[in-house]
Protein backbone atom coordinates (compact mmCIF):
# COMPACT_ATOMS: atom_id res chain seq x y z
CA MET A 1 0.00 0.00 0.00
CA LYS A 2 2.85 2.36 0.90
CA LEU A 3 4.55 1.67 -2.45
CA ARG A 4 1.30 2.35 -4.30
CA LEU A 5 0.77 5.64 -2.45
CA THR A 6 4.31 6.70 -3.20
CA PHE A 7 3.80 6.00 -6.89
CA LEU A 8 0.50 7.90 -7.00
CA LEU A 9 1.88 10.98 -5.28
CA ALA A 10 4.93 10.92 -7.49
CA MET A 11 2.67 10.84 -10.55
CA ILE A 12 0.76 13.83 -9.25
CA PHE A 13 3.64 16.09 -8.36
CA ALA A 14 6.74 14.78 -10.11
CA SER A 15 8.39 17.13 -12.57
CA ALA A 16 10.23 16.37 -15.77
CA ILE A 17 14.02 16.52 -15.87
CA ASN A 18 13.90 18.98 -18.77
CA SER A 19 11.31 21.16 -20.45
CA ASN A 20 10.89 18.93 -23.48
CA VAL A 21 7.79 17.24 -22.13
CA PHE A 22 4.61 16.20 -23.80
CA ALA A 23 1.97 18.90 -23.34
CA ILE A 24 -0.90 17.83 -21.12
CA SER A 25 -4.41 19.22 -21.41
CA PHE A 26 -6.67 18.90 -18.38
CA THR A 27 -10.38 18.27 -18.56
CA ASP A 28 -11.31 20.46 -15.59
CA ILE A 29 -9.57 23.83 -16.03
CA SER A 30 -11.42 25.33 -19.01
CA ASN A 31 -13.33 27.72 -16.74
CA VAL A 32 -10.59 28.23 -14.16
CA LYS A 33 -9.06 31.66 -13.64
CA GLY A 34 -5.41 31.55 -14.65
CA ARG A 35 -5.78 28.39 -16.73
CA GLU A 36 -3.27 29.70 -19.29
CA TYR A 37 -0.64 30.03 -16.58
CA ILE A 38 -1.44 26.57 -15.26
CA GLN A 39 -1.05 25.12 -18.74
CA LYS A 40 2.25 26.94 -19.29
CA PHE A 41 3.54 25.64 -15.94
CA VAL A 42 2.61 22.11 -16.92
CA ASP A 43 4.12 22.46 -20.39
CA LYS A 44 7.39 23.50 -18.76
CA GLY A 45 7.37 20.25 -16.83
CA TYR A 46 6.99 21.55 -13.28
CA ILE A 47 3.84 19.66 -12.37
CA LYS A 48 1.55 16.92 -13.63
CA GLY A 49 -2.10 16.27 -13.03
CA TYR A 50 -3.95 13.15 -12.02
CA GLU A 51 -4.13 9.90 -13.97
CA ASP A 52 -7.75 10.57 -14.94
CA GLY A 53 -6.73 13.70 -16.86
CA THR A 54 -7.86 16.18 -14.21
CA PHE A 55 -5.96 18.87 -12.35
CA LYS A 56 -8.41 19.28 -9.44
CA PRO A 57 -7.85 23.06 -9.40
CA ASN A 58 -10.00 23.75 -6.34
CA ASN A 59 -8.21 21.28 -4.07
CA THR A 60 -5.98 22.72 -1.37
CA ILE A 61 -2.24 22.10 -1.36
CA THR A 62 0.08 20.97 1.44
CA ARG A 63 3.59 21.95 2.51
CA ALA A 64 4.91 18.65 1.17
CA GLU A 65 3.19 19.11 -2.18
CA ILE A 66 4.44 22.67 -2.64
CA SER A 67 7.94 21.49 -1.68
CA GLN A 68 7.77 18.89 -4.46
CA ILE A 69 6.94 21.59 -7.00
CA LEU A 70 9.63 23.98 -5.76
CA SER A 71 12.24 21.23 -5.79
CA SER A 72 11.61 20.77 -9.52
CA PHE A 73 13.02 24.24 -10.22
CA ASN A 74 16.65 24.19 -11.31
CA ILE A 75 17.81 26.13 -8.25
CA ASN A 76 20.71 24.67 -6.30
CA LEU A 77 21.46 26.97 -3.39
CA LYS A 78 22.08 25.96 0.18
CA PHE A 79 21.10 28.55 2.75
CA GLU A 80 20.62 25.99 5.50
CA ASP A 81 21.09 22.30 6.12
CA VAL A 82 18.32 20.95 8.32
CA SER A 83 16.63 17.69 9.08
CA PHE A 84 13.14 17.14 10.44
CA LYS A 85 11.56 14.49 12.60
CA ASP A 86 8.52 14.02 10.37
CA THR A 87 9.71 14.03 6.76
CA ASN A 88 10.30 10.36 6.06
CA GLY A 89 8.28 9.55 2.95
CA TRP A 90 7.90 10.34 -0.75
CA PHE A 91 8.43 14.02 0.04
CA SER A 92 11.73 13.68 1.96
CA ASN A 93 14.13 14.81 -0.78
CA ALA A 94 11.77 17.52 -2.01
CA ILE A 95 11.47 19.07 1.44
CA LYS A 96 15.22 18.92 1.92
CA LYS A 97 15.83 20.79 -1.34
CA ALA A 98 13.04 23.33 -0.78
CA THR A 99 14.36 24.20 2.68
CA GLU A 100 17.99 24.35 1.52
CA ASN A 101 16.93 26.85 -1.15
CA GLY A 102 15.24 28.95 1.51
CA PHE A 103 11.64 28.63 0.35
CA LEU A 104 10.29 27.01 3.51
CA SER A 105 11.53 26.33 7.02
CA GLY A 106 10.58 24.05 9.87
CA TYR A 107 9.06 24.64 13.28
CA THR A 108 10.84 25.17 16.61
CA ASP A 109 9.97 21.66 17.74
CA GLY A 110 12.04 20.15 14.92
CA THR A 111 9.08 19.24 12.70
CA PHE A 112 8.13 20.32 9.19
CA LYS A 113 4.44 19.38 9.32
CA PRO A 114 4.36 18.20 5.69
CA ASN A 115 0.59 17.64 5.63
CA ASN A 116 -0.32 21.13 6.79
CA LYS A 117 -2.25 23.09 4.18
CA ILE A 118 -0.74 26.28 2.71
CA THR A 119 -2.53 29.61 3.25
CA ARG A 120 -2.62 32.40 0.69
CA PHE A 121 -0.28 34.52 2.82
CA GLU A 122 2.18 31.64 3.11
CA MET A 123 2.11 31.09 -0.64
CA ILE A 124 2.69 34.80 -1.25
CA LYS A 125 5.69 34.66 1.09
CA ILE A 126 7.12 31.68 -0.79
CA THR A 127 6.49 33.10 -4.27
CA SER A 128 7.89 36.52 -3.39
CA ILE A 129 11.34 34.93 -3.05
CA LEU A 130 11.34 34.34 -6.83
CA VAL A 131 10.96 38.01 -7.81
CA ARG A 132 12.33 41.36 -6.68
CA ASN A 133 10.60 44.59 -7.70
CA ASN A 134 12.32 47.78 -6.59
CA ASN A 135 8.98 49.61 -6.66
CA TYR A 136 7.45 47.36 -3.99
CA ASP A 137 7.10 50.30 -1.58
CA LYS A 138 5.43 52.59 -4.14
CA VAL A 139 2.37 50.52 -5.06
CA GLN A 140 -1.17 51.13 -3.86
CA LEU A 141 -2.68 47.84 -2.80
CA PRO A 142 -6.34 47.70 -3.89
CA TYR A 143 -7.57 45.24 -1.28
CA ALA A 144 -10.42 46.27 0.99
CA ASP A 145 -8.93 44.21 3.82
CA ILE A 146 -5.44 45.72 3.60
CA ASN A 147 -5.48 46.40 7.34
CA LYS A 148 -5.66 42.63 7.92
CA ILE A 149 -2.43 41.94 6.03
CA SER A 150 0.07 40.77 8.63
CA SER A 151 3.34 42.71 8.89
CA TRP A 152 5.44 39.58 8.22
CA VAL A 153 4.01 39.27 4.71
CA LEU A 154 3.02 42.86 3.84
CA ASN A 155 6.03 43.75 1.71
CA ASP A 156 5.83 40.37 -0.01
CA VAL A 157 2.28 41.30 -1.02
CA ASN A 158 3.62 44.64 -2.25
CA ASN A 159 6.44 42.90 -4.12
CA LEU A 160 4.12 40.51 -5.96
CA TYR A 161 1.52 43.17 -6.67
CA ALA A 162 4.17 45.48 -8.12
CA SER A 163 5.36 42.56 -10.27
CA LYS A 164 1.79 41.85 -11.47
CA VAL A 165 1.91 38.36 -10.02
CA ILE A 166 -1.17 38.72 -7.81
CA ASP A 167 -4.33 40.34 -9.14
CA PHE A 168 -7.61 41.49 -7.70
CA TYR A 169 -9.33 38.84 -5.65
CA ASP A 170 -13.05 38.16 -5.37
CA ASN A 171 -14.87 41.10 -3.78
CA ASN A 172 -11.50 42.89 -3.67
CA LEU A 173 -10.53 40.90 -0.54
CA ILE A 174 -7.16 39.20 -0.25
CA ASN A 175 -8.33 36.83 2.52
CA GLY A 176 -4.75 35.90 3.25
CA ASN A 177 -5.48 33.35 5.97
CA ALA A 178 -7.67 31.24 3.68
CA TYR A 179 -6.16 28.03 2.32
CA ILE A 180 -4.88 28.48 -1.20
CA THR A 181 -6.08 26.24 -4.04
CA ARG A 182 -3.91 24.24 -6.40
CA ALA A 183 -4.98 26.50 -9.26
CA GLU A 184 -4.02 29.70 -7.48
CA ALA A 185 -0.72 28.34 -6.14
CA VAL A 186 0.41 27.15 -9.57
CA THR A 187 -0.82 30.34 -11.24
CA MET A 188 1.15 32.42 -8.75
CA LEU A 189 4.35 30.46 -9.33
CA SER A 190 3.85 30.44 -13.10
CA LYS A 191 3.40 34.22 -13.24
CA ALA A 192 6.47 34.74 -11.05
CA LEU A 193 8.56 32.64 -13.42
CA GLU A 194 7.09 34.50 -16.39
CA VAL A 195 8.25 37.79 -14.85
CA ASN A 196 11.74 36.30 -15.11
CA ASN A 197 11.14 35.08 -18.67
CA TRP A 198 11.37 31.53 -17.33
CA ASP A 199 15.11 32.07 -16.91
CA MET A 200 16.22 30.09 -13.87
CA GLY A 201 19.46 32.05 -13.79
CA LYS A 202 17.47 35.22 -13.10
CA VAL A 203 15.26 33.40 -10.63
CA THR A 204 18.28 32.07 -8.77
CA GLN A 205 19.74 35.58 -8.53
CA ASN A 206 16.45 36.89 -7.15
CA VAL A 207 16.40 34.11 -4.57
CA LYS A 208 19.94 35.02 -3.51
CA THR A 209 19.03 38.70 -3.25
CA ASN A 210 15.84 38.08 -1.31
CA LYS A 211 17.52 35.74 1.15
CA THR A 212 20.67 37.80 1.76
CA ASN A 213 18.91 41.19 1.60
CA PRO A 214 15.29 40.45 2.48
CA LEU A 215 12.45 42.93 2.17
CA PRO A 216 12.02 44.79 5.47
CA ILE A 217 9.27 43.73 7.85
CA PRO A 218 7.31 46.74 9.19
CA THR A 219 7.38 47.03 12.97
CA ALA A 220 4.31 47.25 15.16
CA LEU A 221 3.28 50.65 16.53
CA PRO A 222 1.83 51.54 19.94
CA LYS A 223 -1.90 51.09 20.34
CA GLY A 224 -3.85 53.97 18.81
CA VAL A 225 -0.90 55.31 16.78
CA ILE A 226 -1.16 54.72 13.02
CA GLY A 227 2.10 56.40 12.06
CA TYR A 228 4.89 58.88 12.76
CA LEU A 229 5.40 62.08 10.73
CA THR A 230 8.68 63.92 10.13
CA VAL A 231 9.00 67.13 8.09
CA GLN A 232 12.43 68.35 7.04
CA GLY A 233 13.61 71.65 8.56
CA THR A 234 10.93 71.80 11.26
CA ASN A 235 10.38 70.54 14.79
CA ILE A 236 7.95 68.00 13.34
CA GLU A 237 10.05 64.94 14.05
CA ASN A 238 8.43 61.57 14.66
CA PHE A 239 5.15 63.22 15.62
CA PRO A 240 2.57 60.49 16.40
CA VAL A 241 -0.45 60.31 14.09
CA LYS A 242 -3.83 59.09 15.34
CA ASP A 243 -7.14 58.43 13.58
CA ALA A 244 -9.96 60.95 13.93
CA LEU A 245 -13.51 60.54 12.67
CA GLY A 246 -15.45 63.79 12.54
CA ASN A 247 -14.67 67.29 13.77
CA GLU A 248 -15.26 66.59 17.47
CA GLN A 249 -12.90 63.61 17.53
CA MET A 250 -10.33 65.50 15.46
CA LEU A 251 -10.22 68.33 18.02
CA ASP A 252 -9.74 65.80 20.80
CA VAL A 253 -6.99 63.89 18.97
CA MET A 254 -5.08 67.07 18.12
CA LYS A 255 -4.50 67.74 21.82
CA THR A 256 -1.86 65.00 21.89
CA ALA A 257 -1.12 64.01 18.28
CA VAL A 258 -1.43 64.83 14.62
CA GLY A 259 -4.96 63.99 13.55
CA HIS A 260 -5.66 61.77 10.56
CA PHE A 261 -8.88 62.34 8.62
CA ALA A 262 -10.38 58.86 8.96
CA GLU A 263 -12.20 59.17 5.64
CA THR A 264 -8.85 59.27 3.83
CA PRO A 265 -6.41 56.35 3.35
CA ILE A 266 -3.98 55.52 6.13
CA TYR A 267 -1.08 54.69 3.78
CA ASN A 268 -1.90 54.21 0.09
CA GLY A 269 -3.20 57.23 -1.82
CA ASN A 270 -3.80 60.67 -0.29
CA VAL A 271 -3.18 60.59 3.48
CA ALA A 272 -4.75 63.75 4.97
CA LEU A 273 -3.51 65.07 8.31
CA SER A 274 -4.31 68.03 10.55
CA ALA A 275 -2.88 69.67 13.67
CA HIS A 276 -3.17 72.92 15.60
CA ASN A 277 -0.84 75.73 14.58
CA ARG A 278 0.28 76.68 18.13
CA ASP A 279 -0.07 76.07 21.90
CA TYR A 280 0.50 72.31 21.82
CA LYS A 281 3.61 70.14 22.04
CA ILE A 282 2.41 68.32 18.93
CA ASP A 283 1.35 71.00 16.46
CA PHE A 284 2.04 72.35 12.97
CA ARG A 285 3.31 75.82 14.01
CA GLU A 286 6.49 75.39 11.93
CA LEU A 287 4.68 74.13 8.84
CA LYS A 288 4.59 77.72 7.58
CA ASN A 289 8.41 77.62 7.27
CA VAL A 290 8.62 74.69 4.83
CA GLU A 291 9.51 75.13 1.18
CA VAL A 292 8.59 73.28 -1.96
CA GLY A 293 11.14 70.49 -2.34
CA ASP A 294 11.48 69.76 1.38
CA ILE A 295 11.24 66.12 2.42
CA VAL A 296 8.47 64.47 4.44
CA THR A 297 8.78 60.99 5.96
CA TYR A 298 5.82 58.93 7.11
CA ARG A 299 6.46 55.71 9.04
CA THR A 300 3.58 53.29 9.62
CA ASN A 301 3.13 49.62 10.40
CA LEU A 302 2.47 49.20 6.67
CA GLY A 303 5.90 50.56 5.82
CA THR A 304 7.82 53.85 5.56
CA ARG A 305 7.49 56.30 2.68
CA THR A 306 9.39 59.43 1.68
CA TYR A 307 7.66 62.38 0.03
CA LYS A 308 8.71 65.72 -1.47
CA ILE A 309 6.63 68.86 -0.85
CA THR A 310 5.05 70.02 -4.12
CA ILE A 311 2.33 72.43 -2.94
CA LYS A 312 2.25 75.10 -0.25
CA THR A 313 -0.76 77.39 -0.43
CA GLU A 314 -3.69 78.96 1.41
CA ILE A 315 -7.19 77.56 1.04
CA VAL A 316 -10.55 78.61 2.44
CA GLU A 317 -11.76 76.72 5.50
CA THR A 318 -14.69 75.23 3.56
CA ASP A 319 -12.50 73.73 0.82
CA TRP A 320 -12.49 69.96 1.36
CA SER A 321 -11.17 69.05 -2.07
CA TYR A 322 -7.79 68.23 -0.53
CA LEU A 323 -9.37 65.15 1.05
CA GLU A 324 -10.05 63.52 -2.30
CA ASN A 325 -8.06 60.37 -2.96
CA THR A 326 -5.32 60.36 -5.61
CA VAL A 327 -3.80 57.80 -7.95
CA ASP A 328 -0.33 58.50 -6.57
CA ASN A 329 0.73 58.46 -2.91
CA ARG A 330 0.59 61.80 -1.09
CA ILE A 331 0.67 63.39 2.32
CA THR A 332 -1.68 66.37 2.77
CA MET A 333 -1.16 68.53 5.88
CA ILE A 334 -3.63 71.17 7.05
CA THR A 335 -3.40 73.74 9.81
CA CYS A 336 -4.91 77.09 10.77
CA ILE A 337 -3.33 80.42 9.82
CA GLU A 338 -2.88 82.93 12.61
CA ASP A 339 -5.11 86.02 12.24
CA LYS A 340 -6.89 84.44 9.25
CA PRO A 341 -9.81 82.48 10.78
CA THR A 342 -11.39 81.66 7.41
CA LYS A 343 -8.17 80.41 5.84
CA ARG A 344 -6.12 77.24 6.17
CA LEU A 345 -2.52 76.45 5.25
CA LEU A 346 -2.30 73.49 2.87
CA VAL A 347 1.00 71.68 2.40
CA GLN A 348 1.02 68.66 0.14
CA ALA A 349 3.89 66.27 -0.58
CA THR A 350 4.09 63.54 -3.24
CA GLN A 351 5.99 60.29 -2.85
CA ILE A 352 9.44 60.14 -4.42
């Protein structure tokens, strides 16, 4: 029975030694999103389907199964040499190679848990090792549940989104803790390899870069603080930023922090902030001294961005157009103007 199981699993996940394999067409992927990437992945010899001609795209995938796929890539690095207490079986060599190449790691108790299912976040973390996009910190993630993206995988999400490896999900929700399907896992890997023109030399270099110089992991902030603001040439240095919904809450928040207009984005797009112009330890009294071209830094648990001031002007107090979202990433700062009760100072900076 064990021999039969080994043979079956090998048929499902074994890869060809070279790319000159016979193209396989599955009977159950014609209506599957990403089917062209699945077919390309199969044609390259990185995975096979089941003996009945199906791919079973909606099935989940385990750590052992994803290790088998990753081990089929022609990547021969050795970041670590580990052994696990629970990897005796058809997947033993695959897990060894996948961990040596840095794609997966074990648990503190010395196990690998080969039968655990892979979540979408975990798959994003794995796939992100294959690509490196220098604009990862400049993208605007479209997901409605962006605030639920864990810090350990946030920049990997940014990296894959910037590389056009992950697209919009159903209902615009990334649902990162959901188990990933075979179709989505293979599509993700296929698109990552396509970014590299299926050149394993380029992929190997990306893996080296991502393991020796990994994407930074944003740090957690104190409760209630959504970010820290610094404006070049002023006393505004690491000023805490807190959310404020409505005028009454904004006035309360501005007693101890820079207020963030809750109806505007907290990181991607146009982040609108406000503070008093005097009388408080945390205020915008020196904002009037900035010049176009000065640098603004905004550090959040979603990452840190640098902006350059592009606009400094007066607006009327009833002008709320500055709250509108933008395609690019901006910081918009508002404060009162002394002796001009109907006017406001508007300073806006655009990401560089």
